[in-house]
Protein backbone atom coordinates (compact mmCIF):
# COMPACT_ATOMS: atom_id res chain seq x y z
CA MET A 1 -22.18 -16.07 -60.44
CA ALA A 2 -25.43 -14.45 -59.32
CA ILE A 3 -27.22 -17.60 -58.22
CA ARG A 4 -25.67 -20.03 -55.74
CA THR A 5 -27.23 -23.02 -54.06
CA ALA A 6 -27.77 -23.12 -50.30
CA VAL A 7 -25.54 -26.18 -50.02
CA LEU A 8 -22.56 -24.39 -51.54
CA THR A 9 -23.14 -21.34 -49.40
CA LEU A 10 -23.35 -23.45 -46.24
CA ALA A 11 -20.10 -25.17 -47.11
CA LEU A 12 -18.31 -21.85 -47.41
CA SER A 13 -20.06 -19.95 -44.65
CA ALA A 14 -17.78 -21.03 -41.79
CA SER A 15 -15.11 -18.71 -43.16
CA LEU A 16 -17.42 -15.69 -43.51
CA PRO A 17 -16.98 -12.71 -41.16
CA PHE A 18 -20.35 -13.06 -39.43
CA PHE A 19 -19.14 -16.28 -37.81
CA THR A 20 -16.24 -14.60 -36.03
CA SER A 21 -16.54 -14.07 -32.30
CA ALA A 22 -16.35 -10.31 -32.74
CA THR A 23 -19.40 -10.03 -34.99
CA ARG A 24 -21.80 -12.75 -33.79
CA ALA A 25 -25.31 -11.50 -33.14
CA ALA A 26 -28.49 -13.14 -31.90
CA ALA A 27 -30.22 -12.43 -35.20
CA PRO A 28 -29.97 -15.13 -37.85
CA VAL A 29 -27.89 -14.66 -40.96
CA ALA A 30 -29.57 -15.13 -44.34
CA LEU A 31 -27.52 -17.06 -46.85
CA ALA A 32 -27.54 -16.39 -50.57
CA GLN A 33 -30.36 -18.16 -52.41
CA PRO A 34 -31.67 -18.45 -55.94
CA SER A 35 -33.55 -15.34 -56.99
CA GLY A 36 -37.11 -15.23 -55.68
CA SER A 37 -36.63 -17.92 -53.00
CA THR A 38 -37.03 -17.53 -49.25
CA PRO A 39 -33.67 -16.83 -47.53
CA LEU A 40 -32.21 -19.71 -45.54
CA ALA A 41 -31.23 -18.57 -42.06
CA VAL A 42 -28.29 -19.85 -40.00
CA TYR A 43 -28.58 -19.60 -36.21
CA ASP A 44 -25.22 -19.81 -34.48
CA VAL A 45 -25.63 -21.38 -31.03
CA ARG A 46 -22.99 -19.01 -29.64
CA SER A 47 -25.27 -16.11 -30.51
CA PHE A 48 -27.80 -17.58 -28.08
CA GLY A 49 -25.30 -17.91 -25.23
CA ALA A 50 -23.48 -21.19 -25.87
CA LYS A 51 -19.88 -21.11 -24.69
CA GLY A 52 -18.47 -24.17 -26.44
CA ASP A 53 -15.79 -24.49 -23.77
CA GLY A 54 -16.51 -28.06 -22.66
CA GLN A 55 -17.26 -26.87 -19.11
CA THR A 56 -20.41 -24.79 -19.35
CA VAL A 57 -23.67 -26.65 -19.95
CA ASP A 58 -24.96 -25.25 -23.26
CA SER A 59 -28.31 -27.09 -23.50
CA ASP A 60 -30.48 -23.99 -22.95
CA ALA A 61 -28.63 -21.96 -25.56
CA ILE A 62 -28.81 -24.76 -28.12
CA ASN A 63 -32.54 -25.24 -27.59
CA LYS A 64 -33.13 -21.49 -27.85
CA ALA A 65 -31.39 -21.49 -31.23
CA ILE A 66 -33.58 -24.41 -32.37
CA ASP A 67 -36.71 -22.61 -31.14
CA ALA A 68 -35.73 -19.47 -33.04
CA ALA A 69 -35.16 -21.39 -36.25
CA SER A 70 -38.47 -23.19 -35.84
CA ALA A 71 -40.36 -19.96 -35.14
CA ALA A 72 -39.03 -18.51 -38.38
CA GLY A 73 -40.34 -21.50 -40.33
CA GLY A 74 -37.06 -23.38 -40.38
CA GLY A 75 -33.33 -22.92 -40.67
CA THR A 76 -29.90 -24.23 -39.79
CA VAL A 77 -28.53 -24.28 -36.24
CA HIS A 78 -24.77 -23.95 -36.48
CA PHE A 79 -22.11 -25.32 -34.14
CA SER A 80 -18.73 -23.75 -34.90
CA ALA A 81 -15.50 -25.32 -33.63
CA GLY A 82 -15.67 -25.93 -29.89
CA LYS A 83 -16.89 -28.43 -27.32
CA TYR A 84 -20.57 -28.02 -26.40
CA LEU A 85 -21.53 -29.73 -23.16
CA SER A 86 -25.22 -30.55 -23.23
CA PHE A 87 -28.17 -32.42 -21.80
CA SER A 88 -31.25 -33.10 -23.96
CA ILE A 89 -31.50 -31.23 -27.26
CA ARG A 90 -35.06 -31.07 -28.63
CA LEU A 91 -35.30 -31.11 -32.42
CA LYS A 92 -38.11 -29.36 -34.28
CA SER A 93 -39.48 -29.64 -37.80
CA HIS A 94 -37.66 -27.95 -40.67
CA VAL A 95 -34.48 -27.50 -38.63
CA THR A 96 -30.99 -28.76 -39.48
CA LEU A 97 -28.21 -29.15 -36.91
CA TRP A 98 -24.91 -28.33 -38.59
CA LEU A 99 -21.91 -29.71 -36.68
CA ASP A 100 -19.07 -27.84 -38.30
CA THR A 101 -15.49 -29.04 -38.55
CA GLY A 102 -13.89 -29.06 -35.11
CA SER A 103 -17.16 -29.03 -33.21
CA VAL A 104 -17.90 -31.60 -30.51
CA LEU A 105 -21.36 -32.09 -29.03
CA LEU A 106 -20.52 -33.60 -25.65
CA ALA A 107 -23.13 -35.50 -23.66
CA ALA A 108 -23.16 -34.16 -20.11
CA ASP A 109 -22.83 -36.39 -17.06
CA PRO A 110 -25.74 -35.95 -14.61
CA ALA A 111 -23.50 -37.04 -11.75
CA LYS A 112 -21.23 -34.03 -12.09
CA ASP A 113 -22.62 -31.49 -14.57
CA LYS A 114 -25.59 -30.10 -12.58
CA GLY A 115 -28.47 -31.17 -14.72
CA GLN A 116 -30.36 -34.10 -16.18
CA TYR A 117 -31.72 -35.47 -19.42
CA ASP A 118 -35.41 -35.31 -20.23
CA LEU A 119 -37.37 -38.02 -18.46
CA PRO A 120 -38.41 -41.15 -20.35
CA GLU A 121 -41.99 -40.63 -21.44
CA PRO A 122 -44.73 -43.08 -20.36
CA ASN A 123 -45.22 -45.98 -22.76
CA GLN A 124 -47.87 -48.60 -22.09
CA TRP A 125 -46.14 -50.92 -24.57
CA GLU A 126 -42.85 -50.88 -22.68
CA PRO A 127 -43.24 -54.48 -21.41
CA TYR A 128 -42.76 -55.92 -24.91
CA GLN A 129 -39.19 -54.76 -25.49
CA ASP A 130 -36.17 -53.72 -23.49
CA PHE A 131 -36.36 -50.28 -21.87
CA GLY A 132 -34.19 -48.49 -24.40
CA HIS A 133 -36.48 -49.32 -27.33
CA GLY A 134 -39.61 -47.76 -25.85
CA HIS A 135 -38.45 -44.25 -24.89
CA TRP A 136 -37.00 -41.41 -26.92
CA LYS A 137 -36.88 -38.27 -24.78
CA ASN A 138 -34.15 -39.59 -22.48
CA SER A 139 -31.52 -38.87 -25.12
CA LEU A 140 -28.88 -36.34 -26.04
CA ILE A 141 -30.79 -35.40 -29.23
CA TRP A 142 -34.43 -36.35 -29.69
CA GLY A 143 -37.38 -35.62 -31.95
CA ILE A 144 -40.99 -36.86 -32.00
CA ASP A 145 -43.62 -36.31 -34.72
CA LEU A 146 -41.34 -34.13 -36.83
CA GLU A 147 -40.71 -33.62 -40.52
CA ASP A 148 -37.86 -32.32 -42.65
CA ILE A 149 -35.02 -32.53 -40.14
CA ALA A 150 -31.31 -33.17 -40.52
CA ILE A 151 -28.03 -33.49 -38.65
CA VAL A 152 -25.05 -32.84 -40.90
CA GLY A 153 -21.42 -31.78 -40.84
CA LEU A 154 -17.98 -33.10 -40.02
CA GLY A 155 -18.23 -32.64 -36.25
CA LEU A 156 -18.38 -35.26 -33.49
CA ILE A 157 -21.10 -36.36 -31.08
CA ASP A 158 -19.35 -37.64 -27.97
CA GLY A 159 -21.68 -39.61 -25.69
CA HIS A 160 -19.32 -39.42 -22.72
CA GLY A 161 -22.12 -38.80 -20.21
CA LEU A 162 -24.61 -41.34 -21.60
CA THR A 163 -25.30 -44.73 -20.05
CA ARG A 164 -25.25 -47.90 -22.10
CA SER A 165 -27.60 -49.60 -19.66
CA GLY A 166 -31.30 -49.86 -18.90
CA PRO A 167 -33.62 -52.32 -17.19
CA ASP A 168 -34.45 -55.46 -19.11
CA ALA A 169 -38.19 -55.20 -19.72
CA ARG A 170 -38.79 -58.81 -20.66
CA PHE A 171 -42.56 -58.79 -20.42
CA LYS A 172 -42.80 -61.56 -17.83
CA LYS A 173 -40.72 -59.43 -15.45
CA ALA A 174 -41.97 -55.95 -16.29
CA SER A 175 -44.34 -55.54 -13.34
CA THR A 176 -41.99 -56.76 -10.63
CA PRO A 177 -40.76 -54.38 -7.91
CA GLU A 178 -37.19 -55.12 -9.01
CA TYR A 179 -37.92 -53.93 -12.52
CA GLU A 180 -39.74 -50.81 -11.35
CA ALA A 181 -36.83 -49.91 -9.10
CA ALA A 182 -34.38 -50.37 -11.98
CA ARG A 183 -36.59 -48.26 -14.23
CA LYS A 184 -36.74 -45.43 -11.66
CA LYS A 185 -32.96 -45.28 -11.64
CA MET A 186 -33.08 -44.24 -15.32
CA ASP A 187 -34.83 -40.94 -14.49
CA GLY A 188 -32.52 -38.10 -15.45
CA LEU A 189 -30.08 -40.32 -17.35
CA GLY A 190 -29.56 -40.31 -21.11
CA ASN A 191 -29.10 -43.63 -22.87
CA LYS A 192 -29.18 -42.70 -26.57
CA ALA A 193 -27.18 -40.24 -28.65
CA ILE A 194 -30.00 -39.67 -31.17
CA ALA A 195 -33.61 -40.86 -30.83
CA LEU A 196 -36.38 -40.23 -33.36
CA GLU A 197 -40.00 -41.36 -33.13
CA ARG A 198 -42.64 -41.07 -35.89
CA CYS A 199 -40.68 -38.61 -38.01
CA ARG A 200 -40.40 -38.27 -41.77
CA ASN A 201 -37.90 -36.87 -44.23
CA VAL A 202 -34.78 -37.21 -42.10
CA THR A 203 -31.15 -36.89 -43.20
CA LEU A 204 -28.09 -37.80 -41.11
CA LYS A 205 -24.84 -37.16 -42.92
CA ASP A 206 -21.07 -36.92 -42.46
CA PHE A 207 -20.65 -36.62 -38.67
CA SER A 208 -19.07 -39.07 -36.24
CA VAL A 209 -20.29 -40.60 -32.97
CA LEU A 210 -18.14 -41.85 -30.10
CA ASN A 211 -19.71 -43.91 -27.27
CA GLY A 212 -23.34 -43.42 -28.24
CA GLY A 213 -24.87 -45.12 -25.19
CA HIS A 214 -27.49 -47.85 -25.56
CA PHE A 215 -28.08 -46.68 -29.14
CA ALA A 216 -26.02 -44.26 -31.16
CA LEU A 217 -29.22 -43.94 -33.21
CA LEU A 218 -32.70 -45.21 -32.43
CA ALA A 219 -35.11 -44.47 -35.27
CA THR A 220 -38.63 -45.78 -34.63
CA GLY A 221 -41.48 -45.26 -37.06
CA VAL A 222 -39.35 -42.98 -39.25
CA ASP A 223 -40.21 -42.78 -42.96
CA ASN A 224 -37.86 -41.48 -45.64
CA LEU A 225 -34.63 -41.79 -43.67
CA THR A 226 -31.23 -41.22 -45.26
CA ILE A 227 -28.04 -42.08 -43.35
CA ASP A 228 -24.84 -41.43 -45.27
CA ASN A 229 -21.13 -41.30 -44.48
CA LEU A 230 -21.39 -41.60 -40.71
CA LYS A 231 -18.55 -42.97 -38.59
CA VAL A 232 -19.72 -44.54 -35.33
CA ASP A 233 -17.43 -46.03 -32.69
CA THR A 234 -19.67 -46.99 -29.84
CA ASN A 235 -20.14 -48.95 -26.65
CA ARG A 236 -23.40 -50.67 -27.59
CA ASP A 237 -25.70 -50.60 -30.67
CA GLY A 238 -24.86 -48.45 -33.67
CA PHE A 239 -28.03 -47.95 -35.74
CA ASP A 240 -31.36 -49.40 -34.58
CA ILE A 241 -33.86 -48.95 -37.41
CA ASP A 242 -37.23 -49.97 -35.98
CA ALA A 243 -40.59 -49.98 -37.79
CA CYS A 244 -39.25 -47.64 -40.48
CA ARG A 245 -40.05 -47.31 -44.18
CA ASN A 246 -37.97 -46.13 -47.11
CA VAL A 247 -34.54 -46.17 -45.48
CA ARG A 248 -31.19 -45.68 -47.19
CA ILE A 249 -28.01 -46.45 -45.23
CA SER A 250 -24.81 -45.97 -47.21
CA ASN A 251 -21.07 -45.43 -46.88
CA CYS A 252 -21.03 -45.79 -43.11
CA ALA A 253 -18.43 -47.32 -40.75
CA ILE A 254 -19.75 -48.67 -37.44
CA ASN A 255 -17.51 -50.21 -34.79
CA SER A 256 -19.58 -51.76 -31.98
CA PRO A 257 -17.76 -54.58 -30.17
CA ASN A 258 -20.39 -54.93 -27.43
CA ASP A 259 -23.54 -55.09 -29.56
CA ASP A 260 -24.90 -54.90 -33.10
CA ALA A 261 -23.63 -52.37 -35.62
CA ILE A 262 -26.59 -52.03 -38.00
CA VAL A 263 -29.76 -53.72 -36.84
CA LEU A 264 -33.25 -53.59 -38.33
CA LYS A 265 -36.10 -54.25 -35.90
CA THR A 266 -39.88 -54.31 -35.72
CA SER A 267 -40.62 -53.93 -32.02
CA TYR A 268 -43.96 -53.19 -30.38
CA GLY A 269 -42.69 -49.89 -29.02
CA LEU A 270 -45.25 -47.88 -31.00
CA GLY A 271 -48.15 -50.03 -29.85
CA GLU A 272 -48.53 -51.78 -33.18
CA ALA A 273 -46.73 -54.40 -35.25
CA LYS A 274 -45.46 -51.89 -37.80
CA ALA A 275 -43.24 -53.05 -40.66
CA THR A 276 -39.66 -52.21 -41.48
CA GLU A 277 -39.69 -52.20 -45.27
CA ASP A 278 -38.13 -50.78 -48.40
CA VAL A 279 -34.63 -50.63 -46.92
CA THR A 280 -31.22 -50.62 -48.58
CA ILE A 281 -27.91 -50.94 -46.74
CA THR A 282 -24.89 -50.56 -48.97
CA ASN A 283 -21.15 -49.84 -48.93
CA CYS A 284 -20.86 -50.11 -45.16
CA HIS A 285 -18.14 -51.41 -42.82
CA VAL A 286 -19.02 -53.08 -39.50
CA SER A 287 -16.51 -54.25 -36.93
CA GLY A 288 -15.75 -55.23 -33.34
CA PHE A 289 -12.42 -53.60 -32.51
CA ASP A 290 -11.84 -52.05 -29.09
CA ILE A 291 -14.09 -49.05 -28.47
CA GLY A 292 -12.64 -45.83 -29.85
CA THR A 293 -9.91 -47.47 -31.87
CA MET A 294 -11.67 -47.23 -35.19
CA LEU A 295 -11.98 -43.46 -34.94
CA ASP A 296 -8.39 -43.05 -33.77
CA GLY A 297 -7.10 -45.47 -36.44
CA THR A 298 -5.37 -47.94 -34.09
CA TYR A 299 -7.88 -50.83 -34.49
CA LYS A 300 -6.91 -52.52 -31.23
CA LYS A 301 -7.96 -56.08 -30.29
CA GLU A 302 -7.35 -56.22 -26.55
CA THR A 303 -10.99 -56.87 -25.57
CA HIS A 304 -11.95 -60.35 -26.67
CA ASN A 305 -15.61 -60.66 -25.65
CA ALA A 306 -18.86 -58.74 -25.65
CA PRO A 307 -20.78 -58.88 -22.34
CA ASP A 308 -22.40 -62.19 -23.38
CA ARG A 309 -18.90 -63.72 -23.52
CA GLN A 310 -19.27 -64.82 -27.14
CA GLY A 311 -16.67 -62.61 -28.79
CA PRO A 312 -17.11 -59.13 -30.31
CA THR A 313 -20.48 -58.40 -31.95
CA GLY A 314 -20.39 -55.58 -34.52
CA ARG A 315 -22.56 -57.23 -37.19
CA ILE A 316 -25.53 -56.51 -39.45
CA LYS A 317 -28.74 -58.14 -38.23
CA LEU A 318 -32.51 -58.22 -38.68
CA GLY A 319 -34.15 -58.82 -35.26
CA THR A 320 -34.12 -59.64 -32.40
CA GLU A 321 -37.23 -57.49 -31.78
CA SER A 322 -39.50 -58.87 -34.51
CA ASN A 323 -43.21 -58.23 -33.94
CA GLY A 324 -43.96 -56.52 -37.25
CA PRO A 325 -43.03 -57.56 -40.79
CA PHE A 326 -39.65 -57.17 -42.48
CA ARG A 327 -39.95 -56.99 -46.25
CA ASN A 328 -38.30 -55.74 -49.38
CA ILE A 329 -34.81 -55.30 -47.93
CA THR A 330 -31.52 -55.24 -49.85
CA ILE A 331 -28.06 -55.41 -48.27
CA SER A 332 -25.01 -55.14 -50.52
CA ASN A 333 -21.30 -54.39 -50.67
CA CYS A 334 -20.58 -54.54 -46.95
CA ASP A 335 -17.55 -55.83 -45.06
CA PHE A 336 -17.43 -57.36 -41.59
CA ASP A 337 -14.18 -57.32 -39.61
CA ARG A 338 -13.64 -59.04 -36.24
CA SER A 339 -17.38 -59.36 -35.76
CA ARG A 340 -20.17 -61.90 -35.73
CA GLY A 341 -21.74 -62.87 -39.00
CA PHE A 342 -24.88 -61.78 -40.80
CA ALA A 343 -28.16 -62.68 -39.05
CA LEU A 344 -31.86 -62.87 -39.95
CA GLU A 345 -34.13 -63.52 -36.98
CA SER A 346 -37.91 -63.80 -36.69
CA VAL A 347 -38.80 -64.87 -33.14
CA ASP A 348 -41.69 -62.60 -32.05
CA GLY A 349 -44.25 -63.37 -34.75
CA SER A 350 -42.70 -61.40 -37.59
CA LEU A 351 -43.28 -62.03 -41.29
CA LEU A 352 -39.72 -61.78 -42.63
CA GLU A 353 -39.65 -62.09 -46.42
CA ASP A 354 -38.15 -60.87 -49.68
CA ILE A 355 -34.61 -60.24 -48.52
CA THR A 356 -31.62 -59.97 -50.86
CA VAL A 357 -28.07 -59.98 -49.48
CA THR A 358 -25.08 -59.80 -51.81
CA ASN A 359 -21.39 -58.97 -51.86
CA LEU A 360 -20.32 -59.45 -48.25
CA THR A 361 -16.77 -60.01 -47.08
CA MET A 362 -15.98 -61.17 -43.55
CA ARG A 363 -12.71 -61.62 -41.69
CA ASP A 364 -12.14 -63.09 -38.24
CA VAL A 365 -15.77 -64.16 -37.85
CA GLN A 366 -16.63 -64.55 -34.16
CA SER A 367 -19.67 -66.83 -34.55
CA SER A 368 -21.81 -68.34 -37.29
CA PRO A 369 -21.04 -66.54 -40.59
CA LEU A 370 -24.71 -66.83 -41.66
CA PHE A 371 -27.47 -67.24 -39.09
CA LEU A 372 -31.10 -67.58 -40.17
CA ARG A 373 -33.47 -68.30 -37.30
CA LEU A 374 -37.23 -68.70 -37.09
CA GLY A 375 -38.14 -69.14 -33.43
CA ASN A 376 -40.97 -68.68 -30.96
CA ARG A 377 -39.82 -66.33 -28.21
CA ALA A 378 -43.22 -64.60 -28.71
CA ARG A 379 -42.33 -61.45 -26.81
CA GLY A 380 -45.44 -59.43 -27.54
CA PRO A 381 -49.15 -59.15 -26.75
CA GLU A 382 -50.98 -62.28 -25.69
CA GLY A 383 -51.69 -64.51 -28.66
CA THR A 384 -48.50 -63.71 -30.57
CA GLN A 385 -48.04 -66.52 -33.08
CA VAL A 386 -44.96 -68.04 -34.69
CA GLY A 387 -43.81 -65.92 -37.61
CA VAL A 388 -42.60 -66.71 -41.10
CA LEU A 389 -39.13 -66.50 -42.67
CA ARG A 390 -39.11 -67.00 -46.43
CA ARG A 391 -37.82 -65.91 -49.83
CA VAL A 392 -34.22 -65.06 -48.96
CA ILE A 393 -31.34 -64.81 -51.44
CA ILE A 394 -27.76 -64.62 -50.14
CA SER A 395 -24.98 -64.48 -52.73
CA ASN A 396 -21.35 -63.52 -53.25
CA VAL A 397 -20.08 -64.00 -49.71
CA VAL A 398 -16.46 -64.54 -48.66
CA ALA A 399 -15.70 -65.36 -45.02
CA TYR A 400 -12.22 -66.06 -43.63
CA ASN A 401 -11.10 -67.38 -40.24
CA ALA A 402 -14.55 -68.26 -38.95
CA ASP A 403 -14.99 -69.60 -35.41
CA PRO A 404 -15.08 -73.40 -35.66
CA LYS A 405 -17.73 -73.95 -33.00
CA TRP A 406 -20.56 -72.84 -35.27
CA SER A 407 -21.19 -73.57 -38.90
CA ALA A 408 -23.54 -71.43 -40.92
CA ILE A 409 -26.96 -72.11 -39.36
CA ILE A 410 -30.39 -72.07 -41.02
CA SER A 411 -32.93 -73.31 -38.51
CA GLY A 412 -36.67 -73.09 -38.07
CA ILE A 413 -38.62 -75.01 -35.44
CA PRO A 414 -40.83 -78.12 -35.72
CA GLU A 415 -43.94 -77.47 -37.86
CA HIS A 416 -42.64 -74.01 -38.73
CA PRO A 417 -39.92 -74.30 -41.38
CA ILE A 418 -37.90 -71.56 -42.99
CA GLU A 419 -38.91 -71.47 -46.66
CA ASP A 420 -37.36 -70.74 -50.04
CA VAL A 421 -33.72 -69.91 -49.38
CA MET A 422 -31.09 -69.60 -52.11
CA LEU A 423 -27.38 -69.51 -51.28
CA SER A 424 -24.97 -68.95 -54.16
CA ASN A 425 -21.34 -68.13 -54.80
CA ILE A 426 -20.28 -68.44 -51.17
CA ARG A 427 -16.81 -69.30 -49.88
CA ILE A 428 -16.21 -69.84 -46.14
CA LEU A 429 -12.94 -70.89 -44.51
CA TYR A 430 -13.28 -72.05 -40.90
CA ARG A 431 -10.48 -72.59 -38.41
CA GLY A 432 -11.45 -76.26 -37.97
CA GLY A 433 -10.57 -78.58 -35.12
CA GLY A 434 -13.98 -80.24 -34.61
CA THR A 435 -13.92 -83.73 -33.09
CA ALA A 436 -15.80 -86.96 -33.67
CA GLN A 437 -17.66 -86.23 -30.43
CA ASP A 438 -18.77 -82.89 -31.87
CA ALA A 439 -20.00 -84.68 -34.99
CA ALA A 440 -22.32 -86.83 -32.86
CA LEU A 441 -24.07 -83.88 -31.21
CA THR A 442 -27.73 -83.03 -31.73
CA PRO A 443 -28.35 -79.33 -31.11
CA PRO A 444 -31.32 -78.59 -28.83
CA GLU A 445 -34.40 -76.95 -30.33
CA LYS A 446 -34.75 -74.11 -27.78
CA GLU A 447 -37.79 -72.75 -29.58
CA ASP A 448 -38.34 -69.82 -27.19
CA ALA A 449 -34.70 -68.90 -26.52
CA TYR A 450 -33.02 -65.63 -27.36
CA PRO A 451 -31.65 -66.20 -30.89
CA GLU A 452 -27.87 -66.45 -31.00
CA PRO A 453 -25.70 -69.19 -32.56
CA ASN A 454 -24.40 -70.27 -29.18
CA MET A 455 -27.94 -71.35 -28.21
CA PHE A 456 -27.29 -74.57 -30.13
CA GLY A 457 -23.88 -75.32 -28.67
CA THR A 458 -21.20 -76.65 -31.00
CA THR A 459 -22.79 -77.68 -34.28
CA PRO A 460 -22.34 -81.27 -35.61
CA SER A 461 -21.25 -79.90 -39.00
CA TYR A 462 -18.45 -77.46 -39.66
CA GLY A 463 -19.88 -75.93 -42.86
CA MET A 464 -23.68 -75.67 -42.72
CA PHE A 465 -26.32 -76.89 -40.30
CA VAL A 466 -29.80 -76.84 -41.85
CA ARG A 467 -32.89 -77.86 -39.86
CA HIS A 468 -36.64 -77.40 -40.38
CA VAL A 469 -36.36 -75.90 -43.85
CA HIS A 470 -38.50 -76.26 -46.99
CA ASN A 471 -36.83 -75.57 -50.33
CA ILE A 472 -33.19 -74.57 -50.13
CA THR A 473 -30.71 -74.28 -52.98
CA MET A 474 -26.94 -74.21 -52.50
CA ARG A 475 -25.15 -73.32 -55.72
CA ASP A 476 -21.47 -72.57 -56.24
CA ILE A 477 -20.56 -73.14 -52.60
CA TRP A 478 -17.12 -73.88 -51.14
CA VAL A 479 -16.43 -74.57 -47.47
CA GLY A 480 -13.18 -75.68 -45.91
CA THR A 481 -11.07 -75.62 -42.77
CA MET A 482 -7.63 -74.34 -41.87
CA ASN A 483 -7.07 -77.36 -39.60
CA ALA A 484 -8.38 -80.92 -39.69
CA ASP A 485 -12.02 -81.31 -38.68
CA ALA A 486 -13.79 -84.61 -37.99
CA ARG A 487 -17.28 -83.22 -38.70
CA SER A 488 -19.13 -83.44 -41.99
CA PRO A 489 -19.40 -80.25 -43.99
CA MET A 490 -23.20 -80.50 -44.08
CA VAL A 491 -25.86 -81.73 -41.65
CA LEU A 492 -29.53 -81.59 -42.69
CA GLN A 493 -32.47 -82.42 -40.42
CA ASP A 494 -36.14 -82.17 -41.40
CA VAL A 495 -35.33 -80.55 -44.73
CA HIS A 496 -37.56 -81.01 -47.77
CA GLY A 497 -36.58 -79.82 -51.21
CA VAL A 498 -32.77 -79.56 -51.35
CA ARG A 499 -30.60 -78.66 -54.35
CA PHE A 500 -26.81 -79.01 -54.17
CA ASP A 501 -25.34 -77.62 -57.38
CA HIS A 502 -21.57 -77.25 -57.86
CA VAL A 503 -20.63 -77.62 -54.20
CA ASP A 504 -17.09 -78.26 -53.03
CA ALA A 505 -16.46 -79.10 -49.37
CA ALA A 506 -13.18 -80.18 -47.81
CA ARG A 507 -13.40 -83.24 -45.56
CA GLY A 508 -11.19 -85.76 -43.87
CA PRO A 509 -10.85 -89.47 -44.64
CA ASN A 510 -14.07 -91.45 -44.18
CA VAL A 511 -16.04 -88.30 -43.37
CA PRO A 512 -19.24 -88.05 -45.42
CA PHE A 513 -20.15 -84.98 -47.40
CA ALA A 514 -23.51 -84.72 -45.61
CA VAL A 515 -25.40 -86.33 -42.75
CA LEU A 516 -29.16 -86.57 -43.39
CA HIS A 517 -32.10 -87.02 -41.03
CA ASP A 518 -35.63 -86.84 -42.43
CA VAL A 519 -34.64 -85.32 -45.76
CA SER A 520 -36.72 -85.55 -48.94
CA ASP A 521 -36.52 -84.42 -52.56
CA LEU A 522 -32.72 -84.16 -52.54
CA VAL A 523 -30.94 -83.36 -55.81
CA MET A 524 -27.14 -83.34 -56.21
CA ARG A 525 -25.29 -82.11 -59.27
CA ASP A 526 -21.57 -81.48 -59.63
CA VAL A 527 -20.82 -82.05 -55.94
CA GLN A 528 -17.14 -82.87 -55.57
CA GLY A 529 -16.63 -86.57 -54.94
CA VAL A 530 -20.36 -87.36 -55.08
CA PRO A 531 -22.18 -88.87 -58.09
CA ASP A 532 -24.97 -86.79 -59.54
CA GLY A 533 -28.32 -88.10 -58.47
CA GLN A 534 -31.57 -87.74 -56.59
CA ARG A 535 -33.00 -89.16 -53.42
CA ALA A 536 -36.74 -89.10 -52.80
CA LYS A 537 -36.51 -89.74 -49.05
CA VAL A 538 -33.77 -90.35 -46.48
CA ASP A 539 -34.80 -91.01 -42.89
CA ASN A 540 -31.28 -91.45 -41.57
CA GLY A 541 -28.26 -91.67 -43.81
CA THR A 542 -25.31 -89.94 -45.39
CA VAL A 543 -24.06 -88.64 -48.69
CA PRO A 544 -20.62 -90.28 -48.87
């Protein structure tokens, strides 16, 4: 056939003679293209001096290959089988990194490999988020203000030499000598596998990441981002998608026991409250097995807690950084295994609205299966106001073996309710074991606290705790426990506009279906063991 696509030619090119060690040359190789098109060039990093032996630092050779591709107007930088030890790799527009089968891009260790990562660039907005969110150059692979870039192939990025740490830049502490000293210690270290700032038209596809540092991927202000078929087994965050637009994440597996797997954010790292919007996450697996044991297929469970001592993390979340809006986001067909549950969090003034979540399965849930929180941490410029969390649909959720300390939690704060939430076709089985003393608890408000289910302590309900909410519908819901639990399935406080429709909740003798405090406009239909009816106002009472 006279005409072949570049994709097909790339897929076959690893076996062509010009990739053998005997015939490599510094000049690029033009691949076959449709008639009349510009040839697509492949730049083999070995042709520019890379050894790929796992001992020699290959950063200079890799960056020379990228520079050559860029100077020619674009091309593909090829990593054949081998182990490429490297410090910072600087992406450029119209360049693809192709990690071929058997290739490993190994993050160098500044303590022993005679070199350092690019220094973190100055950022006047650093005080409004943790250090890792506000710098991009201190990474294994980074790109700023680029277009039409990609990292593809079946190779591995191994972040062996990256750090998972960084100073905590909580804005009240950012100017202290202790913080400045901690920040200085980051000079020369790399704390992200891939970092992208203000880029567009980006594709990440098919490769794997092991131990990606603070972030396996930090994408900030990136528009038109496609992430497909990645496998990430990492020691902190998987994907941090921050202030990005038009994002597609699909068919990925992320194991991150010490932090979040897929997390959407809207930090102030770019100096503005930029939205994360028009996002789909679909067909993904998130988990909290021991680090490295997803990629090697052993799925070990020897480590029982993340650093905050609350069990493995590994979840999908919106927040915590939440200065700008979140809107028009769809999450579907994802499974959670040995991780915390799904979380929506607006605590730094964010408008979080128009969210659809459907078809989730969860096993061995380490905290609240569903956590919706509107708070007032207000980590941002002076005058940051309380945000808004509204118009959320969550449907078709199955959760098994959920931690009994926390029910599903939907909680705003006084005078700032969460609005317009619909839960439907949800089945949650908790381990149970709650006591009568637990049932008498009143969770603290903690308006300005870091949002995590444990902030409330043990919840007084085992199924759902709903507080400071306007207009919530629960339809086709079942909650139950594996062991006896003395708590009511439902506790509602300061909730106005409630619809229970076809709800079934297991409960012990003399335990009411729901405990109500300051609840109005309550409608019940087809609730097991409860007559259909309405209540205009309940100050303090129960639904028997």
